[in-house]
Amino acid sequence: MHDSESDTFVYQTWPEKYSSMLKEIGIDSKAKDIGTDDVEHGDYYSRYFAHSPRMITNRGCLEIENSNIDVIQIIQKG
């Protein structure tokens, strides 16, 4: 590493990363812990169609403040 770069890396979860990106464009949000919201407990896609992925990974949720959008769920299809 160069002398001007820090040797310390701050670990961030996916919701924390997206929250910081939204903050840069002026949107206030708060990262929630994985599995704490009701949105995360249901099925993500229908199992009756061929193009629906079978494996979905929940990456967490963001709570948006001062908006009509209450929660954003971050998922990864596999």
N, C-alpha and C. Protein backbone atom coordinates (compact mmCIF):
# COMPACT_ATOMS: atom_id res chain seq x y z
N MET A 1 0.84 -1.18 0.00
CA MET A 1 0.00 0.00 0.00
C MET A 1 0.88 1.24 0.00
N HIS A 2 0.32 2.30 -0.49
CA HIS A 2 1.03 3.57 -0.48
C HIS A 2 0.94 4.20 0.90
N ASP A 3 1.82 5.12 1.17
CA ASP A 3 1.83 5.76 2.48
C ASP A 3 0.58 6.59 2.75
N SER A 4 -0.05 7.07 1.69
CA SER A 4 -1.24 7.92 1.88
C SER A 4 -2.51 7.11 2.13
N GLU A 5 -2.47 5.79 1.91
CA GLU A 5 -3.64 4.95 2.10
C GLU A 5 -3.67 4.38 3.52
N SER A 6 -4.87 4.26 4.03
CA SER A 6 -5.04 3.72 5.37
C SER A 6 -4.88 2.20 5.38
N ASP A 7 -4.33 1.67 6.46
CA ASP A 7 -4.18 0.23 6.60
C ASP A 7 -5.41 -0.42 7.22
N THR A 8 -6.36 0.38 7.67
CA THR A 8 -7.55 -0.12 8.34
C THR A 8 -8.70 -0.18 7.35
N PHE A 9 -9.38 -1.34 7.30
CA PHE A 9 -10.54 -1.50 6.45
C PHE A 9 -11.77 -1.65 7.34
N VAL A 10 -12.82 -0.91 7.02
CA VAL A 10 -14.05 -0.97 7.80
C VAL A 10 -14.98 -1.96 7.11
N TYR A 11 -15.38 -3.01 7.85
CA TYR A 11 -16.31 -4.00 7.31
C TYR A 11 -17.72 -3.43 7.31
N GLN A 12 -18.40 -3.52 6.17
CA GLN A 12 -19.78 -3.06 6.06
C GLN A 12 -20.62 -4.16 5.43
N THR A 13 -21.84 -4.32 5.94
CA THR A 13 -22.77 -5.25 5.33
C THR A 13 -23.35 -4.60 4.07
N TRP A 14 -24.07 -5.39 3.26
CA TRP A 14 -24.68 -4.83 2.05
C TRP A 14 -25.65 -3.70 2.36
N PRO A 15 -26.53 -3.84 3.36
CA PRO A 15 -27.41 -2.71 3.67
C PRO A 15 -26.65 -1.45 4.09
N GLU A 16 -25.56 -1.61 4.81
CA GLU A 16 -24.76 -0.45 5.21
C GLU A 16 -24.11 0.22 4.00
N LYS A 17 -23.66 -0.58 3.05
CA LYS A 17 -23.06 -0.02 1.83
C LYS A 17 -24.09 0.77 1.03
N TYR A 18 -25.28 0.18 0.84
CA TYR A 18 -26.32 0.87 0.09
C TYR A 18 -26.81 2.10 0.83
N SER A 19 -26.87 2.05 2.14
CA SER A 19 -27.28 3.21 2.93
C SER A 19 -26.30 4.36 2.76
N SER A 20 -25.01 4.07 2.75
CA SER A 20 -24.03 5.12 2.54
C SER A 20 -24.08 5.68 1.12
N MET A 21 -24.37 4.83 0.13
CA MET A 21 -24.53 5.32 -1.25
C MET A 21 -25.74 6.22 -1.38
N LEU A 22 -26.84 5.85 -0.72
CA LEU A 22 -28.04 6.69 -0.76
C LEU A 22 -27.82 8.01 -0.03
N LYS A 23 -27.02 7.99 1.02
CA LYS A 23 -26.73 9.22 1.76
C LYS A 23 -25.98 10.22 0.89
N GLU A 24 -25.13 9.72 -0.01
CA GLU A 24 -24.38 10.59 -0.91
C GLU A 24 -25.28 11.36 -1.86
N ILE A 25 -26.45 10.81 -2.18
CA ILE A 25 -27.38 11.51 -3.07
C ILE A 25 -28.54 12.15 -2.31
N GLY A 26 -28.42 12.23 -0.99
CA GLY A 26 -29.37 12.98 -0.19
C GLY A 26 -30.58 12.21 0.31
N ILE A 27 -30.53 10.88 0.32
CA ILE A 27 -31.65 10.07 0.80
C ILE A 27 -31.25 9.47 2.14
N ASP A 28 -32.07 9.76 3.16
CA ASP A 28 -31.80 9.23 4.50
C ASP A 28 -32.34 7.82 4.61
N SER A 29 -31.50 6.90 5.05
CA SER A 29 -31.93 5.51 5.23
C SER A 29 -31.16 4.90 6.39
N LYS A 30 -31.70 3.79 6.88
CA LYS A 30 -31.09 3.10 8.01
C LYS A 30 -31.01 1.61 7.67
N ALA A 31 -29.85 1.02 7.85
CA ALA A 31 -29.67 -0.40 7.60
C ALA A 31 -30.29 -1.20 8.73
N LYS A 32 -31.03 -2.26 8.37
CA LYS A 32 -31.64 -3.13 9.37
C LYS A 32 -30.88 -4.45 9.39
N ASP A 33 -30.93 -5.13 10.51
CA ASP A 33 -30.29 -6.44 10.63
C ASP A 33 -31.03 -7.47 9.78
N ILE A 34 -30.30 -8.46 9.29
CA ILE A 34 -30.89 -9.50 8.46
C ILE A 34 -31.87 -10.33 9.28
N GLY A 35 -33.07 -10.52 8.72
CA GLY A 35 -34.08 -11.35 9.35
C GLY A 35 -34.96 -10.64 10.34
N THR A 36 -34.86 -9.31 10.46
CA THR A 36 -35.65 -8.59 11.45
C THR A 36 -36.92 -7.97 10.89
N ASP A 37 -37.10 -7.98 9.58
CA ASP A 37 -38.28 -7.36 8.97
C ASP A 37 -39.24 -8.43 8.46
N ASP A 38 -40.54 -8.12 8.45
CA ASP A 38 -41.55 -9.06 7.98
C ASP A 38 -41.42 -9.37 6.49
N VAL A 39 -40.87 -8.45 5.72
CA VAL A 39 -40.71 -8.63 4.28
C VAL A 39 -39.82 -9.82 3.97
N GLU A 40 -38.88 -10.11 4.83
CA GLU A 40 -37.87 -11.14 4.58
C GLU A 40 -38.37 -12.56 4.82
N HIS A 41 -39.56 -12.73 5.36
CA HIS A 41 -40.01 -14.07 5.75
C HIS A 41 -40.86 -14.78 4.70
N GLY A 42 -41.22 -14.13 3.61
CA GLY A 42 -42.04 -14.76 2.58
C GLY A 42 -41.21 -15.27 1.42
N ASP A 43 -41.88 -15.90 0.44
CA ASP A 43 -41.20 -16.34 -0.77
C ASP A 43 -40.91 -15.12 -1.65
N TYR A 44 -39.78 -15.19 -2.35
CA TYR A 44 -39.37 -14.08 -3.19
C TYR A 44 -39.97 -14.18 -4.58
N TYR A 45 -40.03 -15.38 -5.13
CA TYR A 45 -40.53 -15.60 -6.47
C TYR A 45 -41.48 -16.79 -6.46
N SER A 46 -42.31 -16.86 -7.49
CA SER A 46 -43.20 -18.00 -7.63
C SER A 46 -42.41 -19.22 -8.08
N ARG A 47 -42.78 -20.39 -7.61
CA ARG A 47 -42.10 -21.63 -7.97
C ARG A 47 -42.75 -22.31 -9.18
N TYR A 48 -43.80 -21.72 -9.75
CA TYR A 48 -44.55 -22.36 -10.82
C TYR A 48 -44.04 -22.04 -12.22
N PHE A 49 -43.11 -21.10 -12.36
CA PHE A 49 -42.63 -20.71 -13.67
C PHE A 49 -41.19 -21.16 -13.86
N ALA A 50 -40.84 -21.51 -15.07
CA ALA A 50 -39.52 -22.10 -15.35
C ALA A 50 -38.38 -21.12 -15.14
N HIS A 51 -38.60 -19.84 -15.39
CA HIS A 51 -37.51 -18.87 -15.30
C HIS A 51 -37.32 -18.30 -13.89
N SER A 52 -38.08 -18.77 -12.94
CA SER A 52 -37.92 -18.31 -11.57
C SER A 52 -36.72 -19.01 -10.93
N PRO A 53 -35.83 -18.23 -10.33
CA PRO A 53 -34.67 -18.87 -9.70
C PRO A 53 -35.07 -19.64 -8.45
N ARG A 54 -34.39 -20.71 -8.18
CA ARG A 54 -34.67 -21.55 -7.02
C ARG A 54 -33.92 -21.07 -5.78
N MET A 55 -32.71 -20.57 -5.97
CA MET A 55 -31.91 -20.17 -4.83
C MET A 55 -31.86 -18.65 -4.73
N ILE A 56 -32.34 -18.12 -3.63
CA ILE A 56 -32.35 -16.68 -3.39
C ILE A 56 -31.66 -16.44 -2.04
N THR A 57 -30.75 -15.48 -2.01
CA THR A 57 -30.05 -15.14 -0.78
C THR A 57 -30.53 -13.78 -0.30
N ASN A 58 -30.98 -13.71 0.92
CA ASN A 58 -31.40 -12.46 1.53
C ASN A 58 -30.16 -11.72 2.04
N ARG A 59 -30.00 -10.49 1.61
CA ARG A 59 -28.85 -9.69 2.03
C ARG A 59 -29.21 -8.62 3.05
N GLY A 60 -30.50 -8.46 3.38
CA GLY A 60 -30.90 -7.50 4.38
C GLY A 60 -31.87 -6.47 3.85
N CYS A 61 -32.21 -5.49 4.68
CA CYS A 61 -33.18 -4.46 4.33
C CYS A 61 -32.68 -3.08 4.71
N LEU A 62 -33.23 -2.09 4.02
CA LEU A 62 -33.02 -0.68 4.34
C LEU A 62 -34.35 -0.06 4.69
N GLU A 63 -34.36 0.77 5.70
CA GLU A 63 -35.55 1.53 6.05
C GLU A 63 -35.34 2.96 5.55
N ILE A 64 -36.22 3.42 4.65
CA ILE A 64 -36.10 4.73 4.04
C ILE A 64 -36.91 5.73 4.85
N GLU A 65 -36.33 6.89 5.15
CA GLU A 65 -37.01 7.92 5.93
C GLU A 65 -37.52 9.02 5.00
N ASN A 66 -38.67 9.62 5.36
CA ASN A 66 -39.28 10.73 4.62
C ASN A 66 -39.58 10.36 3.17
N SER A 67 -40.16 9.19 2.96
CA SER A 67 -40.47 8.71 1.62
C SER A 67 -41.71 7.84 1.67
N ASN A 68 -42.34 7.65 0.51
CA ASN A 68 -43.47 6.73 0.40
C ASN A 68 -43.01 5.27 0.44
N ILE A 69 -41.74 5.04 0.24
CA ILE A 69 -41.17 3.70 0.28
C ILE A 69 -40.76 3.41 1.71
N ASP A 70 -41.30 2.35 2.28
CA ASP A 70 -41.00 2.02 3.68
C ASP A 70 -39.71 1.23 3.81
N VAL A 71 -39.60 0.13 3.02
CA VAL A 71 -38.48 -0.80 3.17
C VAL A 71 -37.99 -1.22 1.79
N ILE A 72 -36.68 -1.32 1.64
CA ILE A 72 -36.06 -1.89 0.44
C ILE A 72 -35.35 -3.16 0.87
N GLN A 73 -35.69 -4.27 0.23
CA GLN A 73 -35.03 -5.54 0.54
C GLN A 73 -33.97 -5.82 -0.51
N ILE A 74 -32.81 -6.21 -0.07
CA ILE A 74 -31.68 -6.53 -0.96
C ILE A 74 -31.60 -8.05 -1.06
N ILE A 75 -31.81 -8.58 -2.26
CA ILE A 75 -31.71 -10.02 -2.47
C ILE A 75 -30.73 -10.32 -3.58
N GLN A 76 -30.21 -11.52 -3.58
CA GLN A 76 -29.27 -11.97 -4.61
C GLN A 76 -29.80 -13.29 -5.14
N LYS A 77 -30.01 -13.35 -6.44
CA LYS A 77 -30.49 -14.63 -7.00
C LYS A 77 -29.28 -15.45 -7.44
N GLY A 78 -29.44 -16.76 -7.32
CA GLY A 78 -28.29 -17.61 -7.58
C GLY A 78 -28.50 -18.63 -8.60
